[in-house]
Amino acid sequence: MKKLTCLILSAVLALALCACSGDKDTDPSDATGGADTTEPSASGATVDYKTFSEGLDDNGFFEGVNALDYVTLPDVSTLKLPEFKKLTDRAVEDLDFVNIDYVGSIDGVAFDGGSTNGNGTDVIIGVTSYIDDFLQQIIGHKPGENFDIEVTFPDDYGKTDLAGKDAVFNITVNYIWDVTDELAKAIGYSSREELANYVAGASVAVEDLAGEAGVNIFLNASKCDDVPASVVKSVKGQLMTMLALEASQYGLDADSLAQYFYGAASAEEYANANAETQAKWFLIFQALAEKEGLAATDEDVTERGYEPVVEAYGLPYTKYAILREKVLAYIDENVK
């Protein structure tokens, strides 16, 4: 399994902020749906948000657990991020991580959604999914070059005004990211290839990897050989509820979602397979909060406008999420 990333973290944390339920918007103010803290999913199942708070105390810590009894933490100030270098002195090659700008046009007229608007976007040659041979035509060009490429939109393309049309894209290669196996491993991935698949699949910018790199480096440098059964049980419950909420977005039950999206035979199998590992991560986070005196206060709840979240998820889980916000911010500030 791939090392922890910000996506995995946010999958848990965002539930306290987004209150995903049915087809509602992700506005925290909609979290409660009135005083009822359960929500029928599109598949007919009822999801109880309060289960997120089970096993947590009113301060957002795992109930009755002193994490520093189980975790050995590194000196965070000694941890260093790898340097994300930008290359400008060689031509683009297959499998390169490249930052480009483009403007697309048909019969000389630019079309909506066909431009980066000068903001640049990261692509991986041969990995990122683009139409036709769009990215392959960038191979051999150097940063700073501006040139045109020609492509044809598929006949079944989602936008009917573009389907089957020939288009010209004016391309500017901005730079090539110097991504090596060593860098990938330093930020928690087994190889450059695994990192490439993650970046392409999640559509994240390489520059944004620095934030999650700090978290991965911190976790790799921490030691947690044993986790109390109560913590594993709490995290397993969170995972089961999270799957049920996610399933509701697709009109599925949790078991079907686990099968289709995660390759597990059931929601419980998925939760059992992941609960202990995630429990270690969250126990490490709690240990850092204990060591550095980080706390989630009632004032934090008020300042963030999380009162509806408390009503829906309970005070323990709301403070649990706030604590992790503070831990992530601490890591980001101290791993340089």
C-alpha atoms as a PDB file:
ATOM      1  CA  MET A   1       0.000   0.000   0.000  1.00  0.00           C
ATOM      2  CA  LYS A   2       1.187   3.492  -0.822  1.00  0.00           C
ATOM      3  CA  LYS A   3       2.478   5.565   2.051  1.00  0.00           C
ATOM      4  CA  LEU A   4       0.151   8.096   3.656  1.00  0.00           C
ATOM      5  CA  THR A   5      -0.616  11.142   1.551  1.00  0.00           C
ATOM      6  CA  CYS A   6      -2.582  14.293   2.122  1.00  0.00           C
ATOM      7  CA  LEU A   7      -5.419  12.777   0.134  1.00  0.00           C
ATOM      8  CA  ILE A   8      -5.737   9.913   2.584  1.00  0.00           C
ATOM      9  CA  LEU A   9      -5.563  12.301   5.506  1.00  0.00           C
ATOM     10  CA  SER A  10      -8.123  14.649   4.041  1.00  0.00           C
ATOM     11  CA  ALA A  11     -10.465  11.733   3.367  1.00  0.00           C
ATOM     12  CA  VAL A  12     -10.861  11.469   7.134  1.00  0.00           C
ATOM     13  CA  LEU A  13     -10.489  15.126   8.086  1.00  0.00           C
ATOM     14  CA  ALA A  14     -12.757  16.529   5.407  1.00  0.00           C
ATOM     15  CA  LEU A  15     -15.724  14.626   6.739  1.00  0.00           C
ATOM     16  CA  ALA A  16     -15.848  17.009   9.681  1.00  0.00           C
ATOM     17  CA  LEU A  17     -15.806  19.932   7.281  1.00  0.00           C
ATOM     18  CA  CYS A  18     -17.842  18.665   4.353  1.00  0.00           C
ATOM     19  CA  ALA A  19     -20.512  16.593   6.078  1.00  0.00           C
ATOM     20  CA  CYS A  20     -20.994  14.451   2.971  1.00  0.00           C
ATOM     21  CA  SER A  21     -24.525  13.125   2.920  1.00  0.00           C
ATOM     22  CA  GLY A  22     -26.839  12.179   0.059  1.00  0.00           C
ATOM     23  CA  ASP A  23     -26.634  14.873  -2.621  1.00  0.00           C
ATOM     24  CA  LYS A  24     -26.010  17.824  -0.281  1.00  0.00           C
ATOM     25  CA  ASP A  25     -23.436  20.512  -0.900  1.00  0.00           C
ATOM     26  CA  THR A  26     -20.213  20.362   1.082  1.00  0.00           C
ATOM     27  CA  ASP A  27     -21.028  23.355   3.236  1.00  0.00           C
ATOM     28  CA  PRO A  28     -20.425  22.720   6.980  1.00  0.00           C
ATOM     29  CA  SER A  29     -23.573  24.690   7.726  1.00  0.00           C
ATOM     30  CA  ASP A  30     -25.581  21.885   6.106  1.00  0.00           C
ATOM     31  CA  ALA A  31     -23.995  19.205   8.259  1.00  0.00           C
ATOM     32  CA  THR A  32     -26.864  18.568  10.639  1.00  0.00           C
ATOM     33  CA  GLY A  33     -29.959  18.515   8.459  1.00  0.00           C
ATOM     34  CA  GLY A  34     -31.769  19.873  11.520  1.00  0.00           C
ATOM     35  CA  ALA A  35     -31.388  18.064  14.806  1.00  0.00           C
ATOM     36  CA  ASP A  36     -31.247  14.630  13.197  1.00  0.00           C
ATOM     37  CA  THR A  37     -27.706  13.261  13.150  1.00  0.00           C
ATOM     38  CA  THR A  38     -28.450  10.358  10.837  1.00  0.00           C
ATOM     39  CA  GLU A  39     -28.910  10.547   7.096  1.00  0.00           C
ATOM     40  CA  PRO A  40     -30.469   8.000   4.737  1.00  0.00           C
ATOM     41  CA  SER A  41     -28.093   7.300   1.863  1.00  0.00           C
ATOM     42  CA  ALA A  42     -29.078   6.978  -1.779  1.00  0.00           C
ATOM     43  CA  SER A  43     -28.918   3.221  -1.325  1.00  0.00           C
ATOM     44  CA  GLY A  44     -31.495   3.377   1.485  1.00  0.00           C
ATOM     45  CA  ALA A  45     -29.046   2.736   4.349  1.00  0.00           C
ATOM     46  CA  THR A  46     -28.947   5.073   7.329  1.00  0.00           C
ATOM     47  CA  VAL A  47     -25.587   6.583   8.233  1.00  0.00           C
ATOM     48  CA  ASP A  48     -25.047   7.730  11.799  1.00  0.00           C
ATOM     49  CA  TYR A  49     -22.513  10.567  11.904  1.00  0.00           C
ATOM     50  CA  LYS A  50     -22.119  10.227  15.685  1.00  0.00           C
ATOM     51  CA  THR A  51     -20.148   7.018  15.222  1.00  0.00           C
ATOM     52  CA  PHE A  52     -17.161   9.161  14.245  1.00  0.00           C
ATOM     53  CA  SER A  53     -16.873  10.253  17.874  1.00  0.00           C
ATOM     54  CA  GLU A  54     -16.855   6.751  19.362  1.00  0.00           C
ATOM     55  CA  GLY A  55     -13.600   5.996  21.177  1.00  0.00           C
ATOM     56  CA  LEU A  56     -12.600   9.668  21.471  1.00  0.00           C
ATOM     57  CA  ASP A  57     -12.752  11.938  24.518  1.00  0.00           C
ATOM     58  CA  ASP A  58     -14.101  15.484  24.614  1.00  0.00           C
ATOM     59  CA  ASN A  59     -10.619  16.854  23.854  1.00  0.00           C
ATOM     60  CA  GLY A  60     -10.328  14.941  20.582  1.00  0.00           C
ATOM     61  CA  PHE A  61      -7.812  12.381  21.873  1.00  0.00           C
ATOM     62  CA  PHE A  62      -8.249   8.622  21.882  1.00  0.00           C
ATOM     63  CA  GLU A  63     -10.069   7.911  25.112  1.00  0.00           C
ATOM     64  CA  GLY A  64      -7.849   6.752  27.993  1.00  0.00           C
ATOM     65  CA  VAL A  65      -4.745   6.561  25.769  1.00  0.00           C
ATOM     66  CA  ASN A  66      -1.476   8.436  26.317  1.00  0.00           C
ATOM     67  CA  ALA A  67       0.032   8.231  22.830  1.00  0.00           C
ATOM     68  CA  LEU A  68       3.563   8.987  24.004  1.00  0.00           C
ATOM     69  CA  ASP A  69       3.522   5.626  25.810  1.00  0.00           C
ATOM     70  CA  TYR A  70       3.402   3.948  22.384  1.00  0.00           C
ATOM     71  CA  VAL A  71       5.192   6.378  20.062  1.00  0.00           C
ATOM     72  CA  THR A  72       8.785   7.537  19.732  1.00  0.00           C
ATOM     73  CA  LEU A  73       8.912  10.862  17.932  1.00  0.00           C
ATOM     74  CA  PRO A  74      11.808  12.400  16.002  1.00  0.00           C
ATOM     75  CA  ASP A  75      13.050  15.927  16.533  1.00  0.00           C
ATOM     76  CA  VAL A  76      10.866  17.534  13.885  1.00  0.00           C
ATOM     77  CA  SER A  77      13.256  20.456  13.429  1.00  0.00           C
ATOM     78  CA  THR A  78      15.937  18.055  12.133  1.00  0.00           C
ATOM     79  CA  LEU A  79      13.747  16.687   9.342  1.00  0.00           C
ATOM     80  CA  LYS A  80      14.371  18.108   5.898  1.00  0.00           C
ATOM     81  CA  LEU A  81      12.342  18.166   2.706  1.00  0.00           C
ATOM     82  CA  PRO A  82      14.018  17.042  -0.511  1.00  0.00           C
ATOM     83  CA  GLU A  83      14.520  19.787  -3.056  1.00  0.00           C
ATOM     84  CA  PHE A  84      12.053  19.881  -5.937  1.00  0.00           C
ATOM     85  CA  LYS A  85      14.354  21.137  -8.704  1.00  0.00           C
ATOM     86  CA  LYS A  86      13.251  22.524 -12.053  1.00  0.00           C
ATOM     87  CA  LEU A  87      15.299  21.624 -15.127  1.00  0.00           C
ATOM     88  CA  THR A  88      15.494  23.962 -18.111  1.00  0.00           C
ATOM     89  CA  ASP A  89      18.611  22.712 -19.915  1.00  0.00           C
ATOM     90  CA  ARG A  90      17.475  19.542 -21.686  1.00  0.00           C
ATOM     91  CA  ALA A  91      14.734  18.275 -23.979  1.00  0.00           C
ATOM     92  CA  VAL A  92      11.582  16.555 -22.733  1.00  0.00           C
ATOM     93  CA  GLU A  93      11.749  12.763 -22.635  1.00  0.00           C
ATOM     94  CA  ASP A  94       9.163  10.027 -22.210  1.00  0.00           C
ATOM     95  CA  LEU A  95       7.941   9.687 -18.582  1.00  0.00           C
ATOM     96  CA  ASP A  96       9.156  13.194 -17.676  1.00  0.00           C
ATOM     97  CA  PHE A  97       7.211  15.323 -15.209  1.00  0.00           C
ATOM     98  CA  VAL A  98       6.693  18.518 -17.224  1.00  0.00           C
ATOM     99  CA  ASN A  99       5.003  21.852 -16.547  1.00  0.00           C
ATOM    100  CA  ILE A 100       3.335  23.312 -19.645  1.00  0.00           C
ATOM    101  CA  ASP A 101       0.918  25.983 -20.785  1.00  0.00           C
ATOM    102  CA  TYR A 102      -1.395  25.589 -23.751  1.00  0.00           C
ATOM    103  CA  VAL A 103      -4.148  27.287 -25.730  1.00  0.00           C
ATOM    104  CA  GLY A 104      -6.406  25.163 -27.917  1.00  0.00           C
ATOM    105  CA  SER A 105      -8.258  26.313 -31.022  1.00  0.00           C
ATOM    106  CA  ILE A 106     -10.438  24.876 -33.784  1.00  0.00           C
ATOM    107  CA  ASP A 107     -10.322  26.571 -37.186  1.00  0.00           C
ATOM    108  CA  GLY A 108      -8.344  29.383 -35.548  1.00  0.00           C
ATOM    109  CA  VAL A 109     -10.915  30.043 -32.806  1.00  0.00           C
ATOM    110  CA  ALA A 110     -10.037  29.328 -29.171  1.00  0.00           C
ATOM    111  CA  PHE A 111     -12.611  27.170 -27.361  1.00  0.00           C
ATOM    112  CA  ASP A 112     -13.805  27.167 -23.768  1.00  0.00           C
ATOM    113  CA  GLY A 113     -11.803  24.980 -21.414  1.00  0.00           C
ATOM    114  CA  GLY A 114      -8.950  24.582 -23.870  1.00  0.00           C
ATOM    115  CA  SER A 115      -6.410  26.787 -22.104  1.00  0.00           C
ATOM    116  CA  THR A 116      -4.317  26.813 -18.934  1.00  0.00           C
ATOM    117  CA  ASN A 117      -4.734  30.613 -18.870  1.00  0.00           C
ATOM    118  CA  GLY A 118      -1.020  30.978 -18.262  1.00  0.00           C
ATOM    119  CA  ASN A 119      -1.210  29.210 -14.897  1.00  0.00           C
ATOM    120  CA  GLY A 120       0.816  26.179 -15.978  1.00  0.00           C
ATOM    121  CA  THR A 121      -0.149  22.558 -15.400  1.00  0.00           C
ATOM    122  CA  ASP A 122       1.919  19.503 -14.531  1.00  0.00           C
ATOM    123  CA  VAL A 123       1.720  16.505 -16.855  1.00  0.00           C
ATOM    124  CA  ILE A 124       3.643  13.245 -17.055  1.00  0.00           C
ATOM    125  CA  ILE A 125       4.541  12.133 -20.562  1.00  0.00           C
ATOM    126  CA  GLY A 126       3.085   8.695 -21.243  1.00  0.00           C
ATOM    127  CA  VAL A 127       1.173   8.591 -17.928  1.00  0.00           C
ATOM    128  CA  THR A 128      -1.216  11.549 -17.768  1.00  0.00           C
ATOM    129  CA  SER A 129      -4.338  10.887 -19.830  1.00  0.00           C
ATOM    130  CA  TYR A 130      -4.716  13.442 -22.652  1.00  0.00           C
ATOM    131  CA  ILE A 131      -6.466  13.145 -26.002  1.00  0.00           C
ATOM    132  CA  ASP A 132      -4.820  11.559 -29.018  1.00  0.00           C
ATOM    133  CA  ASP A 133      -1.006  11.837 -28.910  1.00  0.00           C
ATOM    134  CA  PHE A 134      -1.063  15.291 -27.285  1.00  0.00           C
ATOM    135  CA  LEU A 135       1.730  14.678 -24.780  1.00  0.00           C
ATOM    136  CA  GLN A 136       3.902  12.539 -27.044  1.00  0.00           C
ATOM    137  CA  GLN A 137       4.270  15.540 -29.367  1.00  0.00           C
ATOM    138  CA  ILE A 138       6.002  17.458 -26.578  1.00  0.00           C
ATOM    139  CA  ILE A 139       8.906  14.981 -26.494  1.00  0.00           C
ATOM    140  CA  GLY A 140      12.098  16.526 -27.879  1.00  0.00           C
ATOM    141  CA  HIS A 141      11.135  20.134 -27.109  1.00  0.00           C
ATOM    142  CA  LYS A 142      13.002  22.139 -24.485  1.00  0.00           C
ATOM    143  CA  PRO A 143      11.772  24.465 -21.736  1.00  0.00           C
ATOM    144  CA  GLY A 144      11.171  27.923 -23.169  1.00  0.00           C
ATOM    145  CA  GLU A 145      10.068  26.608 -26.557  1.00  0.00           C
ATOM    146  CA  ASN A 146       6.687  27.605 -28.000  1.00  0.00           C
ATOM    147  CA  PHE A 147       5.164  25.446 -30.744  1.00  0.00           C
ATOM    148  CA  ASP A 148       1.917  24.030 -32.150  1.00  0.00           C
ATOM    149  CA  ILE A 149       0.673  20.462 -32.046  1.00  0.00           C
ATOM    150  CA  GLU A 150      -2.303  18.933 -33.843  1.00  0.00           C
ATOM    151  CA  VAL A 151      -4.774  16.474 -32.317  1.00  0.00           C
ATOM    152  CA  THR A 152      -8.223  15.062 -33.031  1.00  0.00           C
ATOM    153  CA  PHE A 153     -10.889  14.838 -30.363  1.00  0.00           C
ATOM    154  CA  PRO A 154     -12.518  11.375 -30.094  1.00  0.00           C
ATOM    155  CA  ASP A 155     -15.913  10.957 -31.730  1.00  0.00           C
ATOM    156  CA  ASP A 156     -17.408  10.102 -28.335  1.00  0.00           C
ATOM    157  CA  TYR A 157     -15.801  13.059 -26.541  1.00  0.00           C
ATOM    158  CA  GLY A 158     -17.983  14.404 -23.744  1.00  0.00           C
ATOM    159  CA  LYS A 159     -18.440  17.857 -25.284  1.00  0.00           C
ATOM    160  CA  THR A 160     -20.406  17.503 -28.500  1.00  0.00           C
ATOM    161  CA  ASP A 161     -19.051  20.753 -29.948  1.00  0.00           C
ATOM    162  CA  LEU A 162     -15.528  19.246 -29.796  1.00  0.00           C
ATOM    163  CA  ALA A 163     -16.247  15.588 -30.558  1.00  0.00           C
ATOM    164  CA  GLY A 164     -14.481  14.408 -33.706  1.00  0.00           C
ATOM    165  CA  LYS A 165     -12.959  17.844 -34.380  1.00  0.00           C
ATOM    166  CA  ASP A 166      -9.369  18.548 -35.392  1.00  0.00           C
ATOM    167  CA  ALA A 167      -7.704  21.008 -33.037  1.00  0.00           C
ATOM    168  CA  VAL A 168      -4.439  22.923 -32.762  1.00  0.00           C
ATOM    169  CA  PHE A 169      -2.825  23.512 -29.393  1.00  0.00           C
ATOM    170  CA  ASN A 170      -0.168  26.155 -28.947  1.00  0.00           C
ATOM    171  CA  ILE A 171       2.231  24.761 -26.344  1.00  0.00           C
ATOM    172  CA  THR A 172       4.819  26.398 -24.116  1.00  0.00           C
ATOM    173  CA  VAL A 173       7.127  24.119 -22.130  1.00  0.00           C
ATOM    174  CA  ASN A 174       7.872  25.902 -18.866  1.00  0.00           C
ATOM    175  CA  TYR A 175      10.225  23.453 -17.138  1.00  0.00           C
ATOM    176  CA  ILE A 176      10.874  19.798 -16.328  1.00  0.00           C
ATOM    177  CA  TRP A 177      10.634  18.596 -12.739  1.00  0.00           C
ATOM    178  CA  ASP A 178      13.765  16.689 -11.677  1.00  0.00           C
ATOM    179  CA  VAL A 179      11.863  13.750 -10.196  1.00  0.00           C
ATOM    180  CA  THR A 180      14.054  10.760  -9.375  1.00  0.00           C
ATOM    181  CA  ASP A 181      13.506   7.451  -7.593  1.00  0.00           C
ATOM    182  CA  GLU A 182      15.415   8.903  -4.649  1.00  0.00           C
ATOM    183  CA  LEU A 183      13.059  11.874  -4.390  1.00  0.00           C
ATOM    184  CA  ALA A 184      10.000   9.645  -4.712  1.00  0.00           C
ATOM    185  CA  LYS A 185      11.218   7.381  -1.909  1.00  0.00           C
ATOM    186  CA  ALA A 186      12.110  10.373   0.271  1.00  0.00           C
ATOM    187  CA  ILE A 187       8.505  11.555   0.219  1.00  0.00           C
ATOM    188  CA  GLY A 188       6.950   8.164   0.917  1.00  0.00           C
ATOM    189  CA  TYR A 189       6.560   6.409  -2.450  1.00  0.00           C
ATOM    190  CA  SER A 190       8.186   3.130  -3.430  1.00  0.00           C
ATOM    191  CA  SER A 191       9.385   4.438  -6.788  1.00  0.00           C
ATOM    192  CA  ARG A 192       9.231   7.241  -9.331  1.00  0.00           C
ATOM    193  CA  GLU A 193       6.650   5.161 -11.241  1.00  0.00           C
ATOM    194  CA  GLU A 194       4.337   4.940  -8.214  1.00  0.00           C
ATOM    195  CA  LEU A 195       4.640   8.693  -7.696  1.00  0.00           C
ATOM    196  CA  ALA A 196       3.887   9.298 -11.385  1.00  0.00           C
ATOM    197  CA  ASN A 197       0.722   7.210 -11.219  1.00  0.00           C
ATOM    198  CA  TYR A 198      -0.393   9.070  -8.103  1.00  0.00           C
ATOM    199  CA  VAL A 199       0.229  12.540  -9.558  1.00  0.00           C
ATOM    200  CA  ALA A 200      -1.516  11.644 -12.818  1.00  0.00           C
ATOM    201  CA  GLY A 201      -4.459   9.904 -11.181  1.00  0.00           C
ATOM    202  CA  ALA A 202      -5.082  12.537  -8.516  1.00  0.00           C
ATOM    203  CA  SER A 203      -4.347  15.494 -10.832  1.00  0.00           C
ATOM    204  CA  VAL A 204      -2.145  17.139  -8.219  1.00  0.00           C
ATOM    205  CA  ALA A 205       0.636  19.621  -8.898  1.00  0.00           C
ATOM    206  CA  VAL A 206       4.169  18.421  -8.219  1.00  0.00           C
ATOM    207  CA  GLU A 207       4.789  21.578  -6.191  1.00  0.00           C
ATOM    208  CA  ASP A 208       1.954  20.595  -3.852  1.00  0.00           C
ATOM    209  CA  LEU A 209       3.726  17.332  -3.033  1.00  0.00           C
ATOM    210  CA  ALA A 210       6.047  19.251  -0.702  1.00  0.00           C
ATOM    211  CA  GLY A 211       3.297  19.564   1.897  1.00  0.00           C
ATOM    212  CA  GLU A 212       2.493  15.864   2.019  1.00  0.00           C
ATOM    213  CA  ALA A 213       6.208  15.094   1.755  1.00  0.00           C
ATOM    214  CA  GLY A 214       6.678  16.670   5.173  1.00  0.00           C
ATOM    215  CA  VAL A 215       3.951  14.477   6.643  1.00  0.00           C
ATOM    216  CA  ASN A 216       5.398  11.324   5.084  1.00  0.00           C
ATOM    217  CA  ILE A 217       8.928  12.168   6.228  1.00  0.00           C
ATOM    218  CA  PHE A 218       7.634  12.793   9.756  1.00  0.00           C
ATOM    219  CA  LEU A 219       5.724   9.482   9.798  1.00  0.00           C
ATOM    220  CA  ASN A 220       8.709   7.570   8.436  1.00  0.00           C
ATOM    221  CA  ALA A 221      10.923   9.030  11.154  1.00  0.00           C
ATOM    222  CA  SER A 222       8.437   8.192  13.927  1.00  0.00           C
ATOM    223  CA  LYS A 223       8.264   4.780  15.587  1.00  0.00           C
ATOM    224  CA  CYS A 224       5.035   3.098  16.663  1.00  0.00           C
ATOM    225  CA  ASP A 225       5.302  -0.666  17.050  1.00  0.00           C
ATOM    226  CA  ASP A 226       2.186  -1.235  19.122  1.00  0.00           C
ATOM    227  CA  VAL A 227      -1.305   0.268  18.997  1.00  0.00           C
ATOM    228  CA  PRO A 228      -3.986  -0.226  21.690  1.00  0.00           C
ATOM    229  CA  ALA A 229      -6.906  -2.326  20.508  1.00  0.00           C
ATOM    230  CA  SER A 230      -9.270   0.491  21.486  1.00  0.00           C
ATOM    231  CA  VAL A 231      -7.567   2.851  19.000  1.00  0.00           C
ATOM    232  CA  VAL A 232      -7.767   0.308  16.175  1.00  0.00           C
ATOM    233  CA  LYS A 233     -11.465  -0.228  16.989  1.00  0.00           C
ATOM    234  CA  SER A 234     -12.125   3.537  16.901  1.00  0.00           C
ATOM    235  CA  VAL A 235     -10.369   4.006  13.556  1.00  0.00           C
ATOM    236  CA  LYS A 236     -12.094   0.961  12.080  1.00  0.00           C
ATOM    237  CA  GLY A 237     -15.431   2.497  13.038  1.00  0.00           C
ATOM    238  CA  GLN A 238     -14.452   5.758  11.345  1.00  0.00           C
ATOM    239  CA  LEU A 239     -13.468   3.890   8.181  1.00  0.00           C
ATOM    240  CA  MET A 240     -16.740   1.951   8.101  1.00  0.00           C
ATOM    241  CA  THR A 241     -18.778   5.135   8.483  1.00  0.00           C
ATOM    242  CA  MET A 242     -16.641   6.940   5.925  1.00  0.00           C
ATOM    243  CA  LEU A 243     -17.272   4.171   3.385  1.00  0.00           C
ATOM    244  CA  ALA A 244     -20.995   4.353   4.052  1.00  0.00           C
ATOM    245  CA  LEU A 245     -20.991   8.112   3.505  1.00  0.00           C
ATOM    246  CA  GLU A 246     -18.923   7.836   0.349  1.00  0.00           C
ATOM    247  CA  ALA A 247     -21.165   5.061  -0.943  1.00  0.00           C
ATOM    248  CA  SER A 248     -24.195   7.303  -0.484  1.00  0.00           C
ATOM    249  CA  GLN A 249     -22.791   9.664  -3.105  1.00  0.00           C
ATOM    250  CA  TYR A 250     -22.997   6.904  -5.721  1.00  0.00           C
ATOM    251  CA  GLY A 251     -26.242   5.249  -4.701  1.00  0.00           C
ATOM    252  CA  LEU A 252     -24.322   2.203  -3.480  1.00  0.00           C
ATOM    253  CA  ASP A 253     -24.092   0.292  -0.250  1.00  0.00           C
ATOM    254  CA  ALA A 254     -20.733   0.301   1.557  1.00  0.00           C
ATOM    255  CA  ASP A 255     -19.850  -3.260   0.512  1.00  0.00           C
ATOM    256  CA  SER A 256     -20.370  -2.478  -3.174  1.00  0.00           C
ATOM    257  CA  LEU A 257     -18.270   0.678  -2.901  1.00  0.00           C
ATOM    258  CA  ALA A 258     -15.452  -1.273  -1.256  1.00  0.00           C
ATOM    259  CA  GLN A 259     -15.563  -3.787  -4.108  1.00  0.00           C
ATOM    260  CA  TYR A 260     -15.788  -1.318  -7.012  1.00  0.00           C
ATOM    261  CA  PHE A 261     -13.431   1.389  -5.752  1.00  0.00           C
ATOM    262  CA  TYR A 262     -11.000  -0.351  -3.411  1.00  0.00           C
ATOM    263  CA  GLY A 263     -10.883  -3.963  -4.581  1.00  0.00           C
ATOM    264  CA  ALA A 264     -12.015  -5.352  -1.211  1.00  0.00           C
ATOM    265  CA  ALA A 265     -14.628  -8.062  -0.823  1.00  0.00           C
ATOM    266  CA  SER A 266     -16.594  -5.956   1.669  1.00  0.00           C
ATOM    267  CA  ALA A 267     -16.481  -2.722   3.660  1.00  0.00           C
ATOM    268  CA  GLU A 268     -15.425  -4.672   6.733  1.00  0.00           C
ATOM    269  CA  GLU A 269     -12.570  -6.343   4.857  1.00  0.00           C
ATOM    270  CA  TYR A 270     -11.366  -2.914   3.694  1.00  0.00           C
ATOM    271  CA  ALA A 271     -11.624  -1.479   7.206  1.00  0.00           C
ATOM    272  CA  ASN A 272      -9.860  -4.463   8.764  1.00  0.00           C
ATOM    273  CA  ALA A 273      -7.033  -4.190   6.233  1.00  0.00           C
ATOM    274  CA  ASN A 274      -6.467  -0.477   6.843  1.00  0.00           C
ATOM    275  CA  ALA A 275      -7.493   0.245  10.425  1.00  0.00           C
ATOM    276  CA  GLU A 276      -4.247  -0.691  12.183  1.00  0.00           C
ATOM    277  CA  THR A 277      -2.018   1.228   9.767  1.00  0.00           C
ATOM    278  CA  GLN A 278      -4.149   4.361   9.944  1.00  0.00           C
ATOM    279  CA  ALA A 279      -4.461   3.957  13.717  1.00  0.00           C
ATOM    280  CA  LYS A 280      -0.660   4.127  13.937  1.00  0.00           C
ATOM    281  CA  TRP A 281      -0.610   7.306  11.854  1.00  0.00           C
ATOM    282  CA  PHE A 282      -3.258   8.985  13.989  1.00  0.00           C
ATOM    283  CA  LEU A 283      -1.636   7.801  17.228  1.00  0.00           C
ATOM    284  CA  ILE A 284       1.620   9.384  16.042  1.00  0.00           C
ATOM    285  CA  PHE A 285      -0.286  12.615  15.392  1.00  0.00           C
ATOM    286  CA  GLN A 286      -1.765  12.506  18.888  1.00  0.00           C
ATOM    287  CA  ALA A 287       1.706  11.912  20.343  1.00  0.00           C
ATOM    288  CA  LEU A 288       2.983  15.054  18.620  1.00  0.00           C
ATOM    289  CA  ALA A 289      -0.010  17.006  19.960  1.00  0.00           C
ATOM    290  CA  GLU A 290       0.771  15.718  23.470  1.00  0.00           C
ATOM    291  CA  LYS A 291       4.464  16.540  23.187  1.00  0.00           C
ATOM    292  CA  GLU A 292       3.970  20.051  21.827  1.00  0.00           C
ATOM    293  CA  GLY A 293       0.905  20.901  23.908  1.00  0.00           C
ATOM    294  CA  LEU A 294      -1.372  21.270  20.893  1.00  0.00           C
ATOM    295  CA  ALA A 295      -5.022  21.361  21.874  1.00  0.00           C
ATOM    296  CA  ALA A 296      -8.428  21.847  20.292  1.00  0.00           C
ATOM    297  CA  THR A 297     -10.377  24.317  22.390  1.00  0.00           C
ATOM    298  CA  ASP A 298     -13.994  25.402  22.545  1.00  0.00           C
ATOM    299  CA  GLU A 299     -12.781  28.733  21.131  1.00  0.00           C
ATOM    300  CA  ASP A 300     -11.371  26.883  18.101  1.00  0.00           C
ATOM    301  CA  VAL A 301     -14.778  25.344  17.469  1.00  0.00           C
ATOM    302  CA  THR A 302     -16.456  28.746  17.646  1.00  0.00           C
ATOM    303  CA  GLU A 303     -13.856  30.578  15.552  1.00  0.00           C
ATOM    304  CA  ARG A 304     -14.098  27.973  12.782  1.00  0.00           C
ATOM    305  CA  GLY A 305     -17.887  28.024  12.839  1.00  0.00           C
ATOM    306  CA  TYR A 306     -17.978  24.290  13.595  1.00  0.00           C
ATOM    307  CA  GLU A 307     -21.036  24.289  15.869  1.00  0.00           C
ATOM    308  CA  PRO A 308     -23.095  22.488  13.176  1.00  0.00           C
ATOM    309  CA  VAL A 309     -20.300  19.932  12.889  1.00  0.00           C
ATOM    310  CA  VAL A 310     -20.440  19.326  16.641  1.00  0.00           C
ATOM    311  CA  GLU A 311     -24.188  18.733  16.393  1.00  0.00           C
ATOM    312  CA  ALA A 312     -23.763  16.285  13.533  1.00  0.00           C
ATOM    313  CA  TYR A 313     -20.541  14.465  14.443  1.00  0.00           C
ATOM    314  CA  GLY A 314     -20.186  15.142  18.144  1.00  0.00           C
ATOM    315  CA  LEU A 315     -17.675  17.267  20.033  1.00  0.00           C
ATOM    316  CA  PRO A 316     -15.003  14.515  20.255  1.00  0.00           C
ATOM    317  CA  TYR A 317     -14.682  14.064  16.488  1.00  0.00           C
ATOM    318  CA  THR A 318     -14.866  17.793  15.813  1.00  0.00           C
ATOM    319  CA  LYS A 319     -11.931  18.407  18.159  1.00  0.00           C
ATOM    320  CA  TYR A 320     -10.163  15.337  16.738  1.00  0.00           C
ATOM    321  CA  ALA A 321     -10.288  16.988  13.294  1.00  0.00           C
ATOM    322  CA  ILE A 322      -9.146  20.358  14.656  1.00  0.00           C
ATOM    323  CA  LEU A 323      -6.207  18.682  16.401  1.00  0.00           C
ATOM    324  CA  ARG A 324      -5.098  17.152  13.126  1.00  0.00           C
ATOM    325  CA  GLU A 325      -5.332  20.520  11.413  1.00  0.00           C
ATOM    326  CA  LYS A 326      -2.971  21.873  14.066  1.00  0.00           C
ATOM    327  CA  VAL A 327      -0.618  18.888  13.839  1.00  0.00           C
ATOM    328  CA  LEU A 328      -0.400  19.186  10.040  1.00  0.00           C
ATOM    329  CA  ALA A 329       0.269  22.915  10.358  1.00  0.00           C
ATOM    330  CA  TYR A 330       3.011  22.234  12.930  1.00  0.00           C
ATOM    331  CA  ILE A 331       4.683  19.702  10.623  1.00  0.00           C
ATOM    332  CA  ASP A 332       4.411  22.069   7.678  1.00  0.00           C
ATOM    333  CA  GLU A 333       6.031  24.879   9.666  1.00  0.00           C
ATOM    334  CA  ASN A 334       8.876  22.781  11.067  1.00  0.00           C
ATOM    335  CA  VAL A 335       9.870  20.358   8.280  1.00  0.00           C
ATOM    336  CA  LYS A 336      11.712  22.634   5.870  1.00  0.00           C
END
